[in-house]
Amino acid sequence: KMAKLAVNGQDRELVKREAHSVKGSAATFGFNDLSRLARELERGAQTITAAQLEVSVRELRQVFGTTERFAETNLLHAGAGTAT
């Protein structure tokens, strides 16, 4: 999703669709900041200016990167030493 947004960040329909998907996935895992930004982007994708769209997509990608690093550090490796 982030790769699609990086390449097609001005395609408003694609941005709306990908933001919707990110919103739901992020909410499912409790990543509230990411979900909120995705929700705002989904809602505004059709009406905000091209410059605002670019900034919003960039911000979503940055927060996703932060969230991804958090998850890798704190969630994926947290159970590495436990028995299944």
N, C-alpha and C. Protein backbone atom coordinates (compact mmCIF):
# COMPACT_ATOMS: atom_id res chain seq x y z
N LYS A 1 0.82 -1.19 0.00
CA LYS A 1 0.00 0.00 0.00
C LYS A 1 0.87 1.25 0.00
N MET A 2 1.89 1.26 0.81
CA MET A 2 2.77 2.43 0.87
C MET A 2 3.55 2.59 -0.44
N ALA A 3 3.93 1.49 -1.05
CA ALA A 3 4.63 1.56 -2.34
C ALA A 3 3.71 2.14 -3.41
N LYS A 4 2.45 1.71 -3.41
CA LYS A 4 1.48 2.24 -4.36
C LYS A 4 1.30 3.74 -4.15
N LEU A 5 1.21 4.16 -2.89
CA LEU A 5 1.04 5.58 -2.60
C LEU A 5 2.27 6.38 -2.98
N ALA A 6 3.44 5.79 -2.84
CA ALA A 6 4.68 6.49 -3.20
C ALA A 6 4.72 6.78 -4.70
N VAL A 7 4.24 5.84 -5.49
CA VAL A 7 4.30 5.97 -6.95
C VAL A 7 3.09 6.72 -7.51
N ASN A 8 1.94 6.53 -6.89
CA ASN A 8 0.68 7.05 -7.43
C ASN A 8 -0.02 8.02 -6.48
N GLY A 9 0.75 8.82 -5.75
CA GLY A 9 0.20 9.70 -4.73
C GLY A 9 -0.72 10.79 -5.21
N GLN A 10 -0.81 10.99 -6.51
CA GLN A 10 -1.73 12.01 -7.05
C GLN A 10 -2.99 11.39 -7.65
N ASP A 11 -3.07 10.07 -7.67
CA ASP A 11 -4.25 9.36 -8.15
C ASP A 11 -5.27 9.33 -6.99
N ARG A 12 -6.20 10.22 -7.01
CA ARG A 12 -7.11 10.42 -5.88
C ARG A 12 -7.93 9.17 -5.55
N GLU A 13 -8.40 8.46 -6.54
CA GLU A 13 -9.17 7.24 -6.28
C GLU A 13 -8.29 6.17 -5.63
N LEU A 14 -7.09 6.02 -6.13
CA LEU A 14 -6.16 5.05 -5.54
C LEU A 14 -5.81 5.45 -4.11
N VAL A 15 -5.54 6.72 -3.89
CA VAL A 15 -5.21 7.21 -2.54
C VAL A 15 -6.37 6.93 -1.60
N LYS A 16 -7.58 7.23 -2.02
CA LYS A 16 -8.75 6.99 -1.18
C LYS A 16 -8.89 5.51 -0.85
N ARG A 17 -8.73 4.65 -1.82
CA ARG A 17 -8.86 3.20 -1.63
C ARG A 17 -7.78 2.66 -0.70
N GLU A 18 -6.53 3.07 -0.93
CA GLU A 18 -5.42 2.57 -0.10
C GLU A 18 -5.51 3.12 1.32
N ALA A 19 -5.92 4.38 1.46
CA ALA A 19 -6.08 4.97 2.79
C ALA A 19 -7.17 4.23 3.56
N HIS A 20 -8.23 3.87 2.88
CA HIS A 20 -9.32 3.11 3.52
C HIS A 20 -8.79 1.79 4.07
N SER A 21 -8.01 1.11 3.28
CA SER A 21 -7.45 -0.18 3.69
C SER A 21 -6.48 -0.02 4.87
N VAL A 22 -5.62 0.98 4.80
CA VAL A 22 -4.66 1.24 5.88
C VAL A 22 -5.41 1.60 7.15
N LYS A 23 -6.46 2.41 7.02
CA LYS A 23 -7.26 2.84 8.17
C LYS A 23 -7.78 1.63 8.94
N GLY A 24 -8.36 0.70 8.23
CA GLY A 24 -8.92 -0.48 8.89
C GLY A 24 -7.88 -1.39 9.50
N SER A 25 -6.82 -1.63 8.76
CA SER A 25 -5.75 -2.50 9.27
C SER A 25 -5.09 -1.89 10.49
N ALA A 26 -4.80 -0.61 10.43
CA ALA A 26 -4.15 0.07 11.55
C ALA A 26 -5.05 0.04 12.78
N ALA A 27 -6.33 0.27 12.60
CA ALA A 27 -7.26 0.25 13.73
C ALA A 27 -7.33 -1.14 14.35
N THR A 28 -7.32 -2.16 13.52
CA THR A 28 -7.37 -3.54 14.01
C THR A 28 -6.23 -3.83 14.96
N PHE A 29 -5.05 -3.29 14.66
CA PHE A 29 -3.88 -3.56 15.49
C PHE A 29 -3.63 -2.48 16.54
N GLY A 30 -4.53 -1.52 16.64
CA GLY A 30 -4.42 -0.50 17.67
C GLY A 30 -3.45 0.62 17.36
N PHE A 31 -3.10 0.80 16.10
CA PHE A 31 -2.22 1.89 15.70
C PHE A 31 -3.08 3.11 15.38
N ASN A 32 -3.49 3.79 16.44
CA ASN A 32 -4.50 4.84 16.33
C ASN A 32 -4.05 6.05 15.51
N ASP A 33 -2.80 6.49 15.67
CA ASP A 33 -2.33 7.64 14.91
C ASP A 33 -2.36 7.34 13.41
N LEU A 34 -1.89 6.17 13.05
CA LEU A 34 -1.88 5.77 11.64
C LEU A 34 -3.31 5.66 11.11
N SER A 35 -4.18 5.07 11.89
CA SER A 35 -5.57 4.92 11.48
C SER A 35 -6.24 6.29 11.29
N ARG A 36 -5.98 7.21 12.22
CA ARG A 36 -6.56 8.55 12.14
C ARG A 36 -6.11 9.29 10.89
N LEU A 37 -4.79 9.23 10.62
CA LEU A 37 -4.27 9.90 9.43
C LEU A 37 -4.85 9.29 8.15
N ALA A 38 -4.95 7.99 8.13
CA ALA A 38 -5.52 7.32 6.96
C ALA A 38 -6.98 7.71 6.78
N ARG A 39 -7.73 7.79 7.88
CA ARG A 39 -9.14 8.19 7.81
C ARG A 39 -9.27 9.61 7.26
N GLU A 40 -8.43 10.51 7.75
CA GLU A 40 -8.47 11.89 7.26
C GLU A 40 -8.12 11.96 5.78
N LEU A 41 -7.15 11.18 5.37
CA LEU A 41 -6.75 11.18 3.96
C LEU A 41 -7.86 10.57 3.11
N GLU A 42 -8.45 9.50 3.57
CA GLU A 42 -9.56 8.87 2.83
C GLU A 42 -10.70 9.88 2.62
N ARG A 43 -11.04 10.58 3.67
CA ARG A 43 -12.15 11.54 3.59
C ARG A 43 -11.84 12.74 2.70
N GLY A 44 -10.59 13.18 2.69
CA GLY A 44 -10.24 14.38 1.95
C GLY A 44 -9.65 14.15 0.58
N ALA A 45 -9.41 12.90 0.23
CA ALA A 45 -8.69 12.61 -1.02
C ALA A 45 -9.30 13.26 -2.25
N GLN A 46 -10.60 13.38 -2.28
CA GLN A 46 -11.29 13.92 -3.46
C GLN A 46 -11.36 15.45 -3.47
N THR A 47 -11.18 16.07 -2.31
CA THR A 47 -11.47 17.50 -2.23
C THR A 47 -10.28 18.40 -1.88
N ILE A 48 -9.25 17.85 -1.28
CA ILE A 48 -8.11 18.70 -0.90
C ILE A 48 -7.29 19.06 -2.14
N THR A 49 -6.49 20.09 -2.01
CA THR A 49 -5.67 20.51 -3.15
C THR A 49 -4.60 19.46 -3.44
N ALA A 50 -4.02 19.54 -4.61
CA ALA A 50 -2.95 18.61 -4.98
C ALA A 50 -1.77 18.71 -4.02
N ALA A 51 -1.46 19.93 -3.59
CA ALA A 51 -0.36 20.12 -2.64
C ALA A 51 -0.70 19.49 -1.29
N GLN A 52 -1.92 19.66 -0.83
CA GLN A 52 -2.34 19.05 0.43
C GLN A 52 -2.34 17.53 0.33
N LEU A 53 -2.76 17.03 -0.82
CA LEU A 53 -2.77 15.58 -1.05
C LEU A 53 -1.35 15.03 -0.95
N GLU A 54 -0.42 15.71 -1.57
CA GLU A 54 0.98 15.29 -1.54
C GLU A 54 1.51 15.28 -0.10
N VAL A 55 1.22 16.32 0.65
CA VAL A 55 1.68 16.42 2.04
C VAL A 55 1.04 15.31 2.88
N SER A 56 -0.23 15.08 2.69
CA SER A 56 -0.95 14.07 3.47
C SER A 56 -0.44 12.66 3.18
N VAL A 57 -0.19 12.37 1.91
CA VAL A 57 0.36 11.07 1.55
C VAL A 57 1.74 10.90 2.16
N ARG A 58 2.56 11.93 2.08
CA ARG A 58 3.90 11.86 2.65
C ARG A 58 3.84 11.64 4.16
N GLU A 59 2.94 12.36 4.83
CA GLU A 59 2.80 12.21 6.28
C GLU A 59 2.33 10.80 6.64
N LEU A 60 1.38 10.27 5.89
CA LEU A 60 0.90 8.91 6.14
C LEU A 60 2.04 7.91 5.98
N ARG A 61 2.84 8.09 4.96
CA ARG A 61 3.97 7.17 4.74
C ARG A 61 4.99 7.29 5.87
N GLN A 62 5.22 8.48 6.37
CA GLN A 62 6.17 8.67 7.47
C GLN A 62 5.67 8.00 8.75
N VAL A 63 4.41 8.20 9.06
CA VAL A 63 3.84 7.59 10.26
C VAL A 63 3.80 6.07 10.10
N PHE A 64 3.52 5.61 8.91
CA PHE A 64 3.57 4.17 8.67
C PHE A 64 4.97 3.63 8.96
N GLY A 65 5.99 4.32 8.49
CA GLY A 65 7.37 3.89 8.74
C GLY A 65 7.69 3.83 10.22
N THR A 66 7.25 4.83 10.96
CA THR A 66 7.45 4.85 12.41
C THR A 66 6.71 3.68 13.06
N THR A 67 5.49 3.46 12.63
CA THR A 67 4.68 2.38 13.17
C THR A 67 5.30 1.02 12.84
N GLU A 68 5.78 0.89 11.63
CA GLU A 68 6.42 -0.36 11.21
C GLU A 68 7.65 -0.65 12.07
N ARG A 69 8.48 0.36 12.30
CA ARG A 69 9.67 0.16 13.14
C ARG A 69 9.28 -0.21 14.56
N PHE A 70 8.26 0.45 15.10
CA PHE A 70 7.77 0.12 16.44
C PHE A 70 7.32 -1.34 16.50
N ALA A 71 6.52 -1.74 15.52
CA ALA A 71 5.99 -3.11 15.51
C ALA A 71 7.12 -4.14 15.39
N GLU A 72 8.07 -3.88 14.53
CA GLU A 72 9.19 -4.81 14.37
C GLU A 72 9.99 -4.94 15.65
N THR A 73 10.24 -3.83 16.31
CA THR A 73 11.05 -3.83 17.52
C THR A 73 10.31 -4.39 18.72
N ASN A 74 9.07 -3.99 18.88
CA ASN A 74 8.35 -4.30 20.11
C ASN A 74 7.36 -5.45 20.02
N LEU A 75 6.93 -5.79 18.86
CA LEU A 75 5.91 -6.83 18.74
C LEU A 75 6.45 -8.11 18.10
N LEU A 76 7.13 -7.99 16.99
CA LEU A 76 7.61 -9.19 16.30
C LEU A 76 8.68 -9.92 17.10
N HIS A 77 9.56 -9.17 17.72
CA HIS A 77 10.68 -9.79 18.43
C HIS A 77 10.36 -10.07 19.89
N ALA A 78 9.26 -9.57 20.38
CA ALA A 78 8.91 -9.73 21.79
C ALA A 78 8.64 -11.20 22.13
N GLY A 79 8.08 -11.94 21.22
CA GLY A 79 7.76 -13.34 21.48
C GLY A 79 8.79 -14.31 20.95
N ALA A 80 9.92 -13.82 20.48
CA ALA A 80 10.92 -14.70 19.87
C ALA A 80 11.46 -15.76 20.83
N GLY A 81 11.52 -15.48 22.11
CA GLY A 81 12.08 -16.41 23.06
C GLY A 81 11.05 -17.27 23.76
N THR A 82 9.79 -17.16 23.39
CA THR A 82 8.75 -17.92 24.07
C THR A 82 8.41 -19.19 23.31
N ALA A 83 7.94 -20.17 24.05
CA ALA A 83 7.54 -21.44 23.43
C ALA A 83 6.17 -21.27 22.79
N THR A 84 5.92 -22.05 21.74
CA THR A 84 4.62 -21.97 21.07
C THR A 84 3.75 -23.14 21.45
